[in-house]
């Protein structure tokens, strides 16, 4: 079971964007990286093309390594580790380690 999934609310715990919160837009499983909304933004200068006749400066998010982010605990709003628990039907779910709250997006 994955620790991080698309649409999870996470916080960056190290690096230049430390403390930034955002929603996961994409998980790059093979590279162990995630793209987070509003985090690790860079500017790219582009020439005018047929696709983009305007050209100019485009801002986009680059991936962040998964070890640098932690999911937010739904109860406290603080970063939390993830453990696997079971729901009422016996299915596996992700659970915040300290509070025991379900982390489902």
C-alpha atoms as a PDB file:
ATOM      1  CA  UNK A   1       0.000   0.000   0.000  1.00  0.00           C
ATOM      2  CA  UNK A   2       1.348   3.398  -0.990  1.00  0.00           C
ATOM      3  CA  UNK A   3       2.207   5.972   1.655  1.00  0.00           C
ATOM      4  CA  UNK A   4       1.324   8.897  -0.636  1.00  0.00           C
ATOM      5  CA  UNK A   5      -1.504   9.151  -3.169  1.00  0.00           C
ATOM      6  CA  UNK A   6      -2.900  11.732  -5.564  1.00  0.00           C
ATOM      7  CA  UNK A   7      -5.023  14.448  -3.859  1.00  0.00           C
ATOM      8  CA  UNK A   8      -3.401  13.884  -0.432  1.00  0.00           C
ATOM      9  CA  UNK A   9      -2.656  16.997   1.627  1.00  0.00           C
ATOM     10  CA  UNK A  10       1.072  17.020   2.452  1.00  0.00           C
ATOM     11  CA  UNK A  11       3.722  19.247   4.026  1.00  0.00           C
ATOM     12  CA  UNK A  12       7.347  19.576   2.916  1.00  0.00           C
ATOM     13  CA  UNK A  13       9.659  18.688   5.823  1.00  0.00           C
ATOM     14  CA  UNK A  14      13.054  19.580   4.315  1.00  0.00           C
ATOM     15  CA  UNK A  15      14.681  21.537   1.515  1.00  0.00           C
ATOM     16  CA  UNK A  16      14.124  25.026   0.130  1.00  0.00           C
ATOM     17  CA  UNK A  17      10.317  24.728   0.376  1.00  0.00           C
ATOM     18  CA  UNK A  18      10.308  23.475   3.977  1.00  0.00           C
ATOM     19  CA  UNK A  19       6.972  24.139   5.686  1.00  0.00           C
ATOM     20  CA  UNK A  20       4.996  24.507   2.449  1.00  0.00           C
ATOM     21  CA  UNK A  21       1.654  22.702   2.338  1.00  0.00           C
ATOM     22  CA  UNK A  22      -0.136  21.531  -0.768  1.00  0.00           C
ATOM     23  CA  UNK A  23      -2.104  18.858  -2.566  1.00  0.00           C
ATOM     24  CA  UNK A  24      -0.391  16.093  -4.540  1.00  0.00           C
ATOM     25  CA  UNK A  25      -1.100  16.527  -8.251  1.00  0.00           C
ATOM     26  CA  UNK A  26       0.833  13.503  -9.499  1.00  0.00           C
ATOM     27  CA  UNK A  27       2.804  10.577  -8.074  1.00  0.00           C
ATOM     28  CA  UNK A  28       5.863   9.420 -10.032  1.00  0.00           C
ATOM     29  CA  UNK A  29       6.186   5.953  -8.505  1.00  0.00           C
ATOM     30  CA  UNK A  30       9.238   4.768 -10.477  1.00  0.00           C
ATOM     31  CA  UNK A  31      11.249   7.853  -9.496  1.00  0.00           C
ATOM     32  CA  UNK A  32       9.976   8.068  -5.869  1.00  0.00           C
ATOM     33  CA  UNK A  33       8.836  11.643  -6.461  1.00  0.00           C
ATOM     34  CA  UNK A  34       5.608  13.635  -6.210  1.00  0.00           C
ATOM     35  CA  UNK A  35       4.430  16.857  -7.817  1.00  0.00           C
ATOM     36  CA  UNK A  36       2.783  19.152  -5.263  1.00  0.00           C
ATOM     37  CA  UNK A  37       0.532  22.096  -6.086  1.00  0.00           C
ATOM     38  CA  UNK A  38       2.383  25.389  -5.511  1.00  0.00           C
ATOM     39  CA  UNK A  39       5.646  23.776  -4.318  1.00  0.00           C
ATOM     40  CA  UNK A  40       9.057  23.729  -6.077  1.00  0.00           C
ATOM     41  CA  UNK A  41       7.917  26.168  -8.775  1.00  0.00           C
ATOM     42  CA  UNK A  42      10.336  27.182 -11.527  1.00  0.00           C
ATOM     43  CA  UNK A  43      10.116  29.671 -14.384  1.00  0.00           C
ATOM     44  CA  UNK A  44      10.776  28.539 -17.924  1.00  0.00           C
ATOM     45  CA  UNK A  45      11.482  31.060 -20.678  1.00  0.00           C
ATOM     46  CA  UNK A  46       9.987  29.877 -23.984  1.00  0.00           C
ATOM     47  CA  UNK A  47      10.196  31.174 -27.513  1.00  0.00           C
ATOM     48  CA  UNK A  48       7.012  31.683 -29.483  1.00  0.00           C
ATOM     49  CA  UNK A  49       5.907  28.498 -31.282  1.00  0.00           C
ATOM     50  CA  UNK A  50       2.833  27.435 -33.222  1.00  0.00           C
ATOM     51  CA  UNK A  51       1.423  25.849 -30.062  1.00  0.00           C
ATOM     52  CA  UNK A  52       2.164  28.942 -27.973  1.00  0.00           C
ATOM     53  CA  UNK A  53       2.374  31.959 -30.300  1.00  0.00           C
ATOM     54  CA  UNK A  54       2.698  34.250 -27.270  1.00  0.00           C
ATOM     55  CA  UNK A  55       5.838  32.606 -25.831  1.00  0.00           C
ATOM     56  CA  UNK A  56       7.051  34.195 -22.596  1.00  0.00           C
ATOM     57  CA  UNK A  57       7.682  32.947 -19.075  1.00  0.00           C
ATOM     58  CA  UNK A  58       5.838  29.823 -17.891  1.00  0.00           C
ATOM     59  CA  UNK A  59       5.743  28.734 -14.236  1.00  0.00           C
ATOM     60  CA  UNK A  60       5.409  25.057 -13.403  1.00  0.00           C
ATOM     61  CA  UNK A  61       5.934  22.660 -10.499  1.00  0.00           C
ATOM     62  CA  UNK A  62       8.835  20.219 -10.515  1.00  0.00           C
ATOM     63  CA  UNK A  63       8.836  16.898  -8.633  1.00  0.00           C
ATOM     64  CA  UNK A  64       9.932  16.615  -4.998  1.00  0.00           C
ATOM     65  CA  UNK A  65      11.396  13.418  -3.520  1.00  0.00           C
ATOM     66  CA  UNK A  66       8.904  11.458  -1.414  1.00  0.00           C
ATOM     67  CA  UNK A  67      11.256  11.387   1.580  1.00  0.00           C
ATOM     68  CA  UNK A  68      10.915  15.183   1.844  1.00  0.00           C
ATOM     69  CA  UNK A  69       7.130  15.187   2.343  1.00  0.00           C
ATOM     70  CA  UNK A  70       4.749  13.866   4.992  1.00  0.00           C
ATOM     71  CA  UNK A  71       0.980  13.544   4.826  1.00  0.00           C
ATOM     72  CA  UNK A  72      -1.061  15.763   7.131  1.00  0.00           C
ATOM     73  CA  UNK A  73      -3.034  14.197   9.967  1.00  0.00           C
ATOM     74  CA  UNK A  74      -6.758  14.865   9.291  1.00  0.00           C
ATOM     75  CA  UNK A  75      -7.470  15.477  13.005  1.00  0.00           C
ATOM     76  CA  UNK A  76      -4.560  17.676  14.123  1.00  0.00           C
ATOM     77  CA  UNK A  77      -3.331  19.079  10.782  1.00  0.00           C
ATOM     78  CA  UNK A  78       0.260  18.178  11.707  1.00  0.00           C
ATOM     79  CA  UNK A  79       2.607  15.911   9.725  1.00  0.00           C
ATOM     80  CA  UNK A  80       2.156  12.247  10.515  1.00  0.00           C
ATOM     81  CA  UNK A  81       3.609   8.898   9.589  1.00  0.00           C
ATOM     82  CA  UNK A  82       1.333   6.418   7.871  1.00  0.00           C
ATOM     83  CA  UNK A  83       0.488   2.923   8.995  1.00  0.00           C
ATOM     84  CA  UNK A  84      -1.885   0.353   7.568  1.00  0.00           C
ATOM     85  CA  UNK A  85      -5.102  -0.351   9.447  1.00  0.00           C
ATOM     86  CA  UNK A  86      -8.412  -1.994   8.712  1.00  0.00           C
ATOM     87  CA  UNK A  87     -11.878  -0.525   8.345  1.00  0.00           C
ATOM     88  CA  UNK A  88     -15.167  -2.045   9.542  1.00  0.00           C
ATOM     89  CA  UNK A  89     -15.349  -4.390   6.550  1.00  0.00           C
ATOM     90  CA  UNK A  90     -11.774  -5.646   7.015  1.00  0.00           C
ATOM     91  CA  UNK A  91     -10.315  -3.738   4.050  1.00  0.00           C
ATOM     92  CA  UNK A  92      -6.857  -2.189   4.342  1.00  0.00           C
ATOM     93  CA  UNK A  93      -6.794   1.604   4.803  1.00  0.00           C
ATOM     94  CA  UNK A  94      -4.105   4.197   5.492  1.00  0.00           C
ATOM     95  CA  UNK A  95      -4.153   5.525   9.035  1.00  0.00           C
ATOM     96  CA  UNK A  96      -2.303   8.423  10.710  1.00  0.00           C
ATOM     97  CA  UNK A  97       0.133   6.840  13.161  1.00  0.00           C
ATOM     98  CA  UNK A  98      -0.506   9.076  16.196  1.00  0.00           C
ATOM     99  CA  UNK A  99      -4.213   9.916  16.071  1.00  0.00           C
ATOM    100  CA  UNK A 100      -5.454   6.786  14.297  1.00  0.00           C
ATOM    101  CA  UNK A 101      -7.560   8.886  11.891  1.00  0.00           C
ATOM    102  CA  UNK A 102      -8.147   7.518   8.406  1.00  0.00           C
ATOM    103  CA  UNK A 103      -6.136   9.256   5.637  1.00  0.00           C
ATOM    104  CA  UNK A 104      -8.421   8.796   2.659  1.00  0.00           C
ATOM    105  CA  UNK A 105      -8.566  11.286  -0.188  1.00  0.00           C
END
